[in-house]
Amino acid sequence: MRVLLVEDERELSRALAKMLTKDGYDVDCVYDGADGLSFASTGMYDLILLDVIMPKLNGFEVLTEIRRKKLDTPIIMLTALSDENDKISGLDKGADDYVSKPFSINELLARMRAVLRRKGKLVSDNKLEYEGATLDITTHVFATASGEITLANKEFELLRYMFEYPNFVAAKDDLIMKAWGLKSEFESNNLEVYMSFLRKKLNHLNASFTIESVRGVGYRLVRR
């Protein structure tokens, strides 16, 4: 799961990013509202952790713009503001949850899992499911009735994205952005190599589906 952390307190941001990474999340950190909005607008994130009091744009302004752009990325507000009206304002503007500082990492992780479940990103605390197969987001284990295998990091990110949107064609650029990030110099024509690796692993475990190439667009999951 790829998480955008928008938090101007750099020490707190580094600490949170370290703990989230340890729990299996890929985390990008930015330190002001303007960068937060720019990164969030790519639509590449599974969850956004958004501070309220920040330079350039505050969290409420970023939240409003994200929702105005019709992006439905789950957003959890992080703030030292404890007034009930502030919390209500954030929820009314489209936040999915609200965590008041100081908070424990265990509480934050639990709230993240709850939001991701409500948004259909998770079917349990740590697994995605498709056509009888499961993908564990913590261990990167792909499993079917025939067995299981641990995927390499990029293979996992690619299959995870396709598991989350199984009824859509995943565009090449979106797949590259999800797996390699915004600053990647990865060449799109090499993506087929990784998809070939995944197909072989799906075949090895007798998965009831495979990955089909859609010429000029990207890839999709199809039942055999």
C-alpha atoms as a PDB file:
ATOM      1  CA  MET A   1       0.000   0.000   0.000  1.00  0.00           C
ATOM      2  CA  ARG A   2       1.360   3.413  -0.940  1.00  0.00           C
ATOM      3  CA  VAL A   3       0.772   6.188   1.614  1.00  0.00           C
ATOM      4  CA  LEU A   4       1.264   9.946   1.253  1.00  0.00           C
ATOM      5  CA  LEU A   5       2.244  11.605   4.546  1.00  0.00           C
ATOM      6  CA  VAL A   6       1.709  15.377   4.520  1.00  0.00           C
ATOM      7  CA  GLU A   7       3.247  16.661   7.752  1.00  0.00           C
ATOM      8  CA  ASP A   8       5.382  19.782   8.243  1.00  0.00           C
ATOM      9  CA  GLU A   9       7.039  18.610  11.475  1.00  0.00           C
ATOM     10  CA  ARG A  10       9.944  16.788   9.896  1.00  0.00           C
ATOM     11  CA  GLU A  11      11.029  14.862  12.969  1.00  0.00           C
ATOM     12  CA  LEU A  12       7.504  13.525  13.441  1.00  0.00           C
ATOM     13  CA  SER A  13       7.246  12.807   9.718  1.00  0.00           C
ATOM     14  CA  ARG A  14      10.468  10.773   9.724  1.00  0.00           C
ATOM     15  CA  ALA A  15       9.377   8.805  12.795  1.00  0.00           C
ATOM     16  CA  LEU A  16       5.946   8.036  11.340  1.00  0.00           C
ATOM     17  CA  ALA A  17       7.388   7.072   7.957  1.00  0.00           C
ATOM     18  CA  LYS A  18       9.835   4.677   9.619  1.00  0.00           C
ATOM     19  CA  MET A  19       7.089   2.955  11.611  1.00  0.00           C
ATOM     20  CA  LEU A  20       4.690   2.757   8.664  1.00  0.00           C
ATOM     21  CA  THR A  21       7.413   1.310   6.444  1.00  0.00           C
ATOM     22  CA  LYS A  22       8.138  -1.306   9.099  1.00  0.00           C
ATOM     23  CA  ASP A  23       4.443  -2.266   8.974  1.00  0.00           C
ATOM     24  CA  GLY A  24       4.615  -2.861   5.217  1.00  0.00           C
ATOM     25  CA  TYR A  25       3.534   0.481   3.759  1.00  0.00           C
ATOM     26  CA  ASP A  26       5.429   2.451   1.097  1.00  0.00           C
ATOM     27  CA  VAL A  27       5.524   6.051   2.295  1.00  0.00           C
ATOM     28  CA  ASP A  28       6.177   9.331   0.465  1.00  0.00           C
ATOM     29  CA  CYS A  29       6.677  12.372   2.710  1.00  0.00           C
ATOM     30  CA  VAL A  30       6.024  16.025   1.868  1.00  0.00           C
ATOM     31  CA  TYR A  31       6.184  18.970   4.232  1.00  0.00           C
ATOM     32  CA  ASP A  32       3.686  21.606   3.141  1.00  0.00           C
ATOM     33  CA  GLY A  33       0.154  21.789   1.822  1.00  0.00           C
ATOM     34  CA  ALA A  34       1.073  22.841  -1.711  1.00  0.00           C
ATOM     35  CA  ASP A  35       3.320  19.806  -2.240  1.00  0.00           C
ATOM     36  CA  GLY A  36       0.721  17.655  -0.526  1.00  0.00           C
ATOM     37  CA  LEU A  37      -1.924  18.710  -3.016  1.00  0.00           C
ATOM     38  CA  SER A  38       0.435  18.222  -5.957  1.00  0.00           C
ATOM     39  CA  PHE A  39       1.383  14.675  -4.915  1.00  0.00           C
ATOM     40  CA  ALA A  40      -2.182  13.730  -3.936  1.00  0.00           C
ATOM     41  CA  SER A  41      -3.502  14.918  -7.307  1.00  0.00           C
ATOM     42  CA  THR A  42      -1.593  12.142  -9.077  1.00  0.00           C
ATOM     43  CA  GLY A  43      -4.133   9.652  -7.712  1.00  0.00           C
ATOM     44  CA  MET A  44      -1.348   7.138  -7.075  1.00  0.00           C
ATOM     45  CA  TYR A  45      -1.871   6.777  -3.333  1.00  0.00           C
ATOM     46  CA  ASP A  46      -3.987   4.272  -1.442  1.00  0.00           C
ATOM     47  CA  LEU A  47      -4.224   6.514   1.632  1.00  0.00           C
ATOM     48  CA  ILE A  48      -3.303  10.063   2.623  1.00  0.00           C
ATOM     49  CA  LEU A  49      -2.322  11.129   6.135  1.00  0.00           C
ATOM     50  CA  LEU A  50      -2.914  14.883   6.186  1.00  0.00           C
ATOM     51  CA  ASP A  51      -1.842  17.357   8.858  1.00  0.00           C
ATOM     52  CA  VAL A  52      -4.066  20.418   9.363  1.00  0.00           C
ATOM     53  CA  ILE A  53      -1.742  23.251  10.390  1.00  0.00           C
ATOM     54  CA  MET A  54       0.850  23.588   7.613  1.00  0.00           C
ATOM     55  CA  PRO A  55       2.549  26.265   5.515  1.00  0.00           C
ATOM     56  CA  LYS A  56       1.310  27.355   2.055  1.00  0.00           C
ATOM     57  CA  LEU A  57      -2.012  25.496   2.268  1.00  0.00           C
ATOM     58  CA  ASN A  58      -3.591  24.131   5.410  1.00  0.00           C
ATOM     59  CA  GLY A  59      -5.002  20.634   5.596  1.00  0.00           C
ATOM     60  CA  PHE A  60      -8.606  21.738   5.173  1.00  0.00           C
ATOM     61  CA  GLU A  61      -7.706  23.589   1.969  1.00  0.00           C
ATOM     62  CA  VAL A  62      -5.818  20.578   0.626  1.00  0.00           C
ATOM     63  CA  LEU A  63      -8.710  18.287   1.528  1.00  0.00           C
ATOM     64  CA  THR A  64     -11.226  20.565  -0.194  1.00  0.00           C
ATOM     65  CA  GLU A  65      -9.169  20.676  -3.397  1.00  0.00           C
ATOM     66  CA  ILE A  66      -8.621  16.912  -3.440  1.00  0.00           C
ATOM     67  CA  ARG A  67     -12.345  16.280  -3.201  1.00  0.00           C
ATOM     68  CA  ARG A  68     -13.093  19.043  -5.734  1.00  0.00           C
ATOM     69  CA  LYS A  69     -10.904  17.105  -8.175  1.00  0.00           C
ATOM     70  CA  LYS A  70     -13.221  14.091  -7.608  1.00  0.00           C
ATOM     71  CA  LEU A  71     -10.397  12.028  -6.099  1.00  0.00           C
ATOM     72  CA  ASP A  72     -11.749   9.475  -3.639  1.00  0.00           C
ATOM     73  CA  THR A  73      -8.421   8.559  -2.017  1.00  0.00           C
ATOM     74  CA  PRO A  74      -9.030   7.793   1.677  1.00  0.00           C
ATOM     75  CA  ILE A  75      -7.825  10.653   3.892  1.00  0.00           C
ATOM     76  CA  ILE A  76      -7.090  10.634   7.619  1.00  0.00           C
ATOM     77  CA  MET A  77      -6.553  14.054   9.164  1.00  0.00           C
ATOM     78  CA  LEU A  78      -3.737  14.408  11.722  1.00  0.00           C
ATOM     79  CA  THR A  79      -3.938  17.423  13.992  1.00  0.00           C
ATOM     80  CA  ALA A  80      -3.318  18.919  17.401  1.00  0.00           C
ATOM     81  CA  LEU A  81      -6.654  20.729  17.092  1.00  0.00           C
ATOM     82  CA  SER A  82      -9.061  19.184  19.569  1.00  0.00           C
ATOM     83  CA  ASP A  83     -12.131  21.363  19.072  1.00  0.00           C
ATOM     84  CA  GLU A  84     -15.140  19.296  18.039  1.00  0.00           C
ATOM     85  CA  ASN A  85     -16.093  21.848  15.382  1.00  0.00           C
ATOM     86  CA  ASP A  86     -12.696  21.382  13.687  1.00  0.00           C
ATOM     87  CA  LYS A  87     -13.245  17.636  13.535  1.00  0.00           C
ATOM     88  CA  ILE A  88     -16.759  18.075  12.178  1.00  0.00           C
ATOM     89  CA  SER A  89     -15.452  20.517   9.565  1.00  0.00           C
ATOM     90  CA  GLY A  90     -12.841  18.040   8.365  1.00  0.00           C
ATOM     91  CA  LEU A  91     -15.328  15.189   8.127  1.00  0.00           C
ATOM     92  CA  ASP A  92     -17.861  17.387   6.331  1.00  0.00           C
ATOM     93  CA  LYS A  93     -15.212  18.385   3.789  1.00  0.00           C
ATOM     94  CA  GLY A  94     -14.603  14.730   2.917  1.00  0.00           C
ATOM     95  CA  ALA A  95     -12.103  13.307   5.411  1.00  0.00           C
ATOM     96  CA  ASP A  96     -12.571   9.625   6.217  1.00  0.00           C
ATOM     97  CA  ASP A  97     -11.254   9.828   9.774  1.00  0.00           C
ATOM     98  CA  TYR A  98      -9.637  12.212  12.224  1.00  0.00           C
ATOM     99  CA  VAL A  99      -6.785  11.441  14.640  1.00  0.00           C
ATOM    100  CA  SER A 100      -5.826  13.965  17.308  1.00  0.00           C
ATOM    101  CA  LYS A 101      -2.193  14.460  18.321  1.00  0.00           C
ATOM    102  CA  PRO A 102      -0.612  12.977  20.319  1.00  0.00           C
ATOM    103  CA  PHE A 103      -1.638   9.514  19.149  1.00  0.00           C
ATOM    104  CA  SER A 104      -0.118   6.046  19.402  1.00  0.00           C
ATOM    105  CA  ILE A 105       1.179   4.342  16.278  1.00  0.00           C
ATOM    106  CA  ASN A 106      -1.024   1.340  17.055  1.00  0.00           C
ATOM    107  CA  GLU A 107      -4.126   3.542  17.055  1.00  0.00           C
ATOM    108  CA  LEU A 108      -3.106   5.141  13.771  1.00  0.00           C
ATOM    109  CA  LEU A 109      -2.437   1.757  12.140  1.00  0.00           C
ATOM    110  CA  ALA A 110      -5.799   0.451  13.333  1.00  0.00           C
ATOM    111  CA  ARG A 111      -7.594   3.489  11.934  1.00  0.00           C
ATOM    112  CA  MET A 112      -5.740   3.128   8.636  1.00  0.00           C
ATOM    113  CA  ARG A 113      -6.814  -0.511   8.349  1.00  0.00           C
ATOM    114  CA  ALA A 114     -10.405   0.404   9.210  1.00  0.00           C
ATOM    115  CA  VAL A 115     -10.526   3.134   6.543  1.00  0.00           C
ATOM    116  CA  LEU A 116      -8.965   0.851   3.924  1.00  0.00           C
ATOM    117  CA  ARG A 117     -11.510  -1.871   4.707  1.00  0.00           C
ATOM    118  CA  ARG A 118     -14.397   0.576   4.372  1.00  0.00           C
ATOM    119  CA  LYS A 119     -13.022   1.710   1.021  1.00  0.00           C
ATOM    120  CA  GLY A 120     -12.752  -1.885  -0.183  1.00  0.00           C
ATOM    121  CA  LYS A 121      -8.953  -1.865  -0.225  1.00  0.00           C
ATOM    122  CA  LEU A 122      -8.663  -4.724   2.273  1.00  0.00           C
ATOM    123  CA  VAL A 123     -10.808  -7.787   2.878  1.00  0.00           C
ATOM    124  CA  SER A 124      -9.103  -8.449   6.207  1.00  0.00           C
ATOM    125  CA  ASP A 125      -6.447  -6.731   8.283  1.00  0.00           C
ATOM    126  CA  ASN A 126      -3.725  -7.530   5.784  1.00  0.00           C
ATOM    127  CA  LYS A 127      -5.038  -9.382   2.729  1.00  0.00           C
ATOM    128  CA  LEU A 128      -6.508  -8.657  -0.662  1.00  0.00           C
ATOM    129  CA  GLU A 129      -8.589 -11.295  -2.413  1.00  0.00           C
ATOM    130  CA  TYR A 130      -9.461 -12.134  -6.017  1.00  0.00           C
ATOM    131  CA  GLU A 131     -10.976 -15.267  -7.573  1.00  0.00           C
ATOM    132  CA  GLY A 132      -9.973 -17.531  -4.689  1.00  0.00           C
ATOM    133  CA  ALA A 133      -6.414 -16.171  -4.449  1.00  0.00           C
ATOM    134  CA  THR A 134      -5.064 -13.938  -1.687  1.00  0.00           C
ATOM    135  CA  LEU A 135      -2.289 -11.369  -1.527  1.00  0.00           C
ATOM    136  CA  ASP A 136      -0.877 -10.530   1.894  1.00  0.00           C
ATOM    137  CA  ILE A 137       0.145  -6.858   1.979  1.00  0.00           C
ATOM    138  CA  THR A 138       2.476  -7.380   4.938  1.00  0.00           C
ATOM    139  CA  THR A 139       4.404 -10.476   3.878  1.00  0.00           C
ATOM    140  CA  HIS A 140       3.943 -10.123   0.076  1.00  0.00           C
ATOM    141  CA  VAL A 141       2.804 -13.758  -0.050  1.00  0.00           C
ATOM    142  CA  PHE A 142       0.550 -14.696  -2.970  1.00  0.00           C
ATOM    143  CA  ALA A 143      -1.484 -17.809  -2.274  1.00  0.00           C
ATOM    144  CA  THR A 144      -3.954 -20.113  -4.037  1.00  0.00           C
ATOM    145  CA  ALA A 145      -5.380 -23.531  -3.139  1.00  0.00           C
ATOM    146  CA  SER A 146      -2.292 -25.042  -4.798  1.00  0.00           C
ATOM    147  CA  GLY A 147       0.294 -23.278  -2.647  1.00  0.00           C
ATOM    148  CA  GLU A 148       1.946 -19.950  -2.003  1.00  0.00           C
ATOM    149  CA  ILE A 149       4.927 -17.873  -3.061  1.00  0.00           C
ATOM    150  CA  THR A 150       6.571 -14.691  -1.810  1.00  0.00           C
ATOM    151  CA  LEU A 151       6.651 -12.042  -4.525  1.00  0.00           C
ATOM    152  CA  ALA A 152       9.522  -9.659  -5.146  1.00  0.00           C
ATOM    153  CA  ASN A 153       8.716  -6.074  -4.155  1.00  0.00           C
ATOM    154  CA  LYS A 154       7.863  -4.727  -7.605  1.00  0.00           C
ATOM    155  CA  GLU A 155       5.912  -7.836  -8.580  1.00  0.00           C
ATOM    156  CA  PHE A 156       3.914  -7.432  -5.391  1.00  0.00           C
ATOM    157  CA  GLU A 157       3.157  -3.759  -6.059  1.00  0.00           C
ATOM    158  CA  LEU A 158       1.972  -4.512  -9.589  1.00  0.00           C
ATOM    159  CA  LEU A 159      -0.277  -7.397  -8.583  1.00  0.00           C
ATOM    160  CA  ARG A 160      -1.560  -5.494  -5.547  1.00  0.00           C
ATOM    161  CA  TYR A 161      -2.701  -2.624  -7.757  1.00  0.00           C
ATOM    162  CA  MET A 162      -4.483  -5.010 -10.100  1.00  0.00           C
ATOM    163  CA  PHE A 163      -6.139  -6.808  -7.163  1.00  0.00           C
ATOM    164  CA  GLU A 164      -7.497  -3.485  -5.927  1.00  0.00           C
ATOM    165  CA  TYR A 165      -9.022  -2.623  -9.318  1.00  0.00           C
ATOM    166  CA  PRO A 166      -9.794  -6.052 -10.821  1.00  0.00           C
ATOM    167  CA  ASN A 167     -12.584  -4.849 -13.094  1.00  0.00           C
ATOM    168  CA  PHE A 168     -10.533  -2.177 -14.860  1.00  0.00           C
ATOM    169  CA  VAL A 169      -7.645  -2.042 -17.280  1.00  0.00           C
ATOM    170  CA  ALA A 170      -4.572  -0.836 -15.378  1.00  0.00           C
ATOM    171  CA  ALA A 171      -2.775   1.762 -17.484  1.00  0.00           C
ATOM    172  CA  LYS A 172       0.960   1.287 -17.951  1.00  0.00           C
ATOM    173  CA  ASP A 173       1.796   4.716 -16.554  1.00  0.00           C
ATOM    174  CA  ASP A 174      -0.328   4.088 -13.465  1.00  0.00           C
ATOM    175  CA  LEU A 175       1.342   0.742 -12.835  1.00  0.00           C
ATOM    176  CA  ILE A 176       4.802   2.247 -13.165  1.00  0.00           C
ATOM    177  CA  MET A 177       3.880   5.128 -10.873  1.00  0.00           C
ATOM    178  CA  LYS A 178       2.439   2.780  -8.253  1.00  0.00           C
ATOM    179  CA  ALA A 179       5.403   0.419  -8.254  1.00  0.00           C
ATOM    180  CA  TRP A 180       8.329   2.746  -8.921  1.00  0.00           C
ATOM    181  CA  GLY A 181       7.081   6.176  -7.839  1.00  0.00           C
ATOM    182  CA  LEU A 182       7.004   9.645  -9.333  1.00  0.00           C
ATOM    183  CA  LYS A 183      10.746  10.037  -9.890  1.00  0.00           C
ATOM    184  CA  SER A 184      11.243   6.751 -11.693  1.00  0.00           C
ATOM    185  CA  GLU A 185      13.187   6.584 -14.958  1.00  0.00           C
ATOM    186  CA  PHE A 186      11.842   3.084 -15.560  1.00  0.00           C
ATOM    187  CA  GLU A 187      11.012   2.408 -19.202  1.00  0.00           C
ATOM    188  CA  SER A 188       7.427   1.335 -19.845  1.00  0.00           C
ATOM    189  CA  ASN A 189       8.404  -1.299 -22.413  1.00  0.00           C
ATOM    190  CA  ASN A 190      10.246  -3.192 -19.656  1.00  0.00           C
ATOM    191  CA  LEU A 191       7.000  -3.537 -17.741  1.00  0.00           C
ATOM    192  CA  GLU A 192       6.141  -6.593 -19.827  1.00  0.00           C
ATOM    193  CA  VAL A 193       9.150  -8.390 -18.341  1.00  0.00           C
ATOM    194  CA  TYR A 194       7.697  -8.028 -14.854  1.00  0.00           C
ATOM    195  CA  MET A 195       4.250  -9.040 -16.060  1.00  0.00           C
ATOM    196  CA  SER A 196       5.782 -12.143 -17.629  1.00  0.00           C
ATOM    197  CA  PHE A 197       7.316 -13.069 -14.272  1.00  0.00           C
ATOM    198  CA  LEU A 198       3.907 -12.660 -12.636  1.00  0.00           C
ATOM    199  CA  ARG A 199       2.125 -14.757 -15.262  1.00  0.00           C
ATOM    200  CA  LYS A 200       4.565 -17.600 -14.690  1.00  0.00           C
ATOM    201  CA  LYS A 201       3.957 -17.476 -10.955  1.00  0.00           C
ATOM    202  CA  LEU A 202       0.188 -17.412 -11.439  1.00  0.00           C
ATOM    203  CA  ASN A 203       0.502 -20.454 -13.713  1.00  0.00           C
ATOM    204  CA  HIS A 204       2.778 -22.239 -11.232  1.00  0.00           C
ATOM    205  CA  LEU A 205       0.140 -21.910  -8.507  1.00  0.00           C
ATOM    206  CA  ASN A 206      -2.737 -22.811 -10.837  1.00  0.00           C
ATOM    207  CA  ALA A 207      -4.473 -19.473 -10.349  1.00  0.00           C
ATOM    208  CA  SER A 208      -7.930 -19.280 -11.932  1.00  0.00           C
ATOM    209  CA  PHE A 209      -6.919 -16.069 -13.717  1.00  0.00           C
ATOM    210  CA  THR A 210      -4.032 -14.569 -15.622  1.00  0.00           C
ATOM    211  CA  ILE A 211      -2.789 -11.148 -16.727  1.00  0.00           C
ATOM    212  CA  GLU A 212      -3.808 -10.026 -20.196  1.00  0.00           C
ATOM    213  CA  SER A 213      -2.071  -7.288 -22.149  1.00  0.00           C
ATOM    214  CA  VAL A 214      -4.348  -4.646 -23.656  1.00  0.00           C
ATOM    215  CA  ARG A 215      -2.523  -3.181 -26.622  1.00  0.00           C
ATOM    216  CA  GLY A 216      -1.640   0.480 -26.234  1.00  0.00           C
ATOM    217  CA  VAL A 217      -3.310   0.758 -22.828  1.00  0.00           C
ATOM    218  CA  GLY A 218      -2.047  -1.584 -20.130  1.00  0.00           C
ATOM    219  CA  TYR A 219      -3.014  -4.809 -18.396  1.00  0.00           C
ATOM    220  CA  ARG A 220      -5.997  -6.472 -16.774  1.00  0.00           C
ATOM    221  CA  LEU A 221      -6.864  -9.584 -14.818  1.00  0.00           C
ATOM    222  CA  VAL A 222      -8.917 -12.129 -16.779  1.00  0.00           C
ATOM    223  CA  ARG A 223     -10.406 -15.455 -15.754  1.00  0.00           C
ATOM    224  CA  ARG A 224      -9.015 -18.486 -17.600  1.00  0.00           C
END
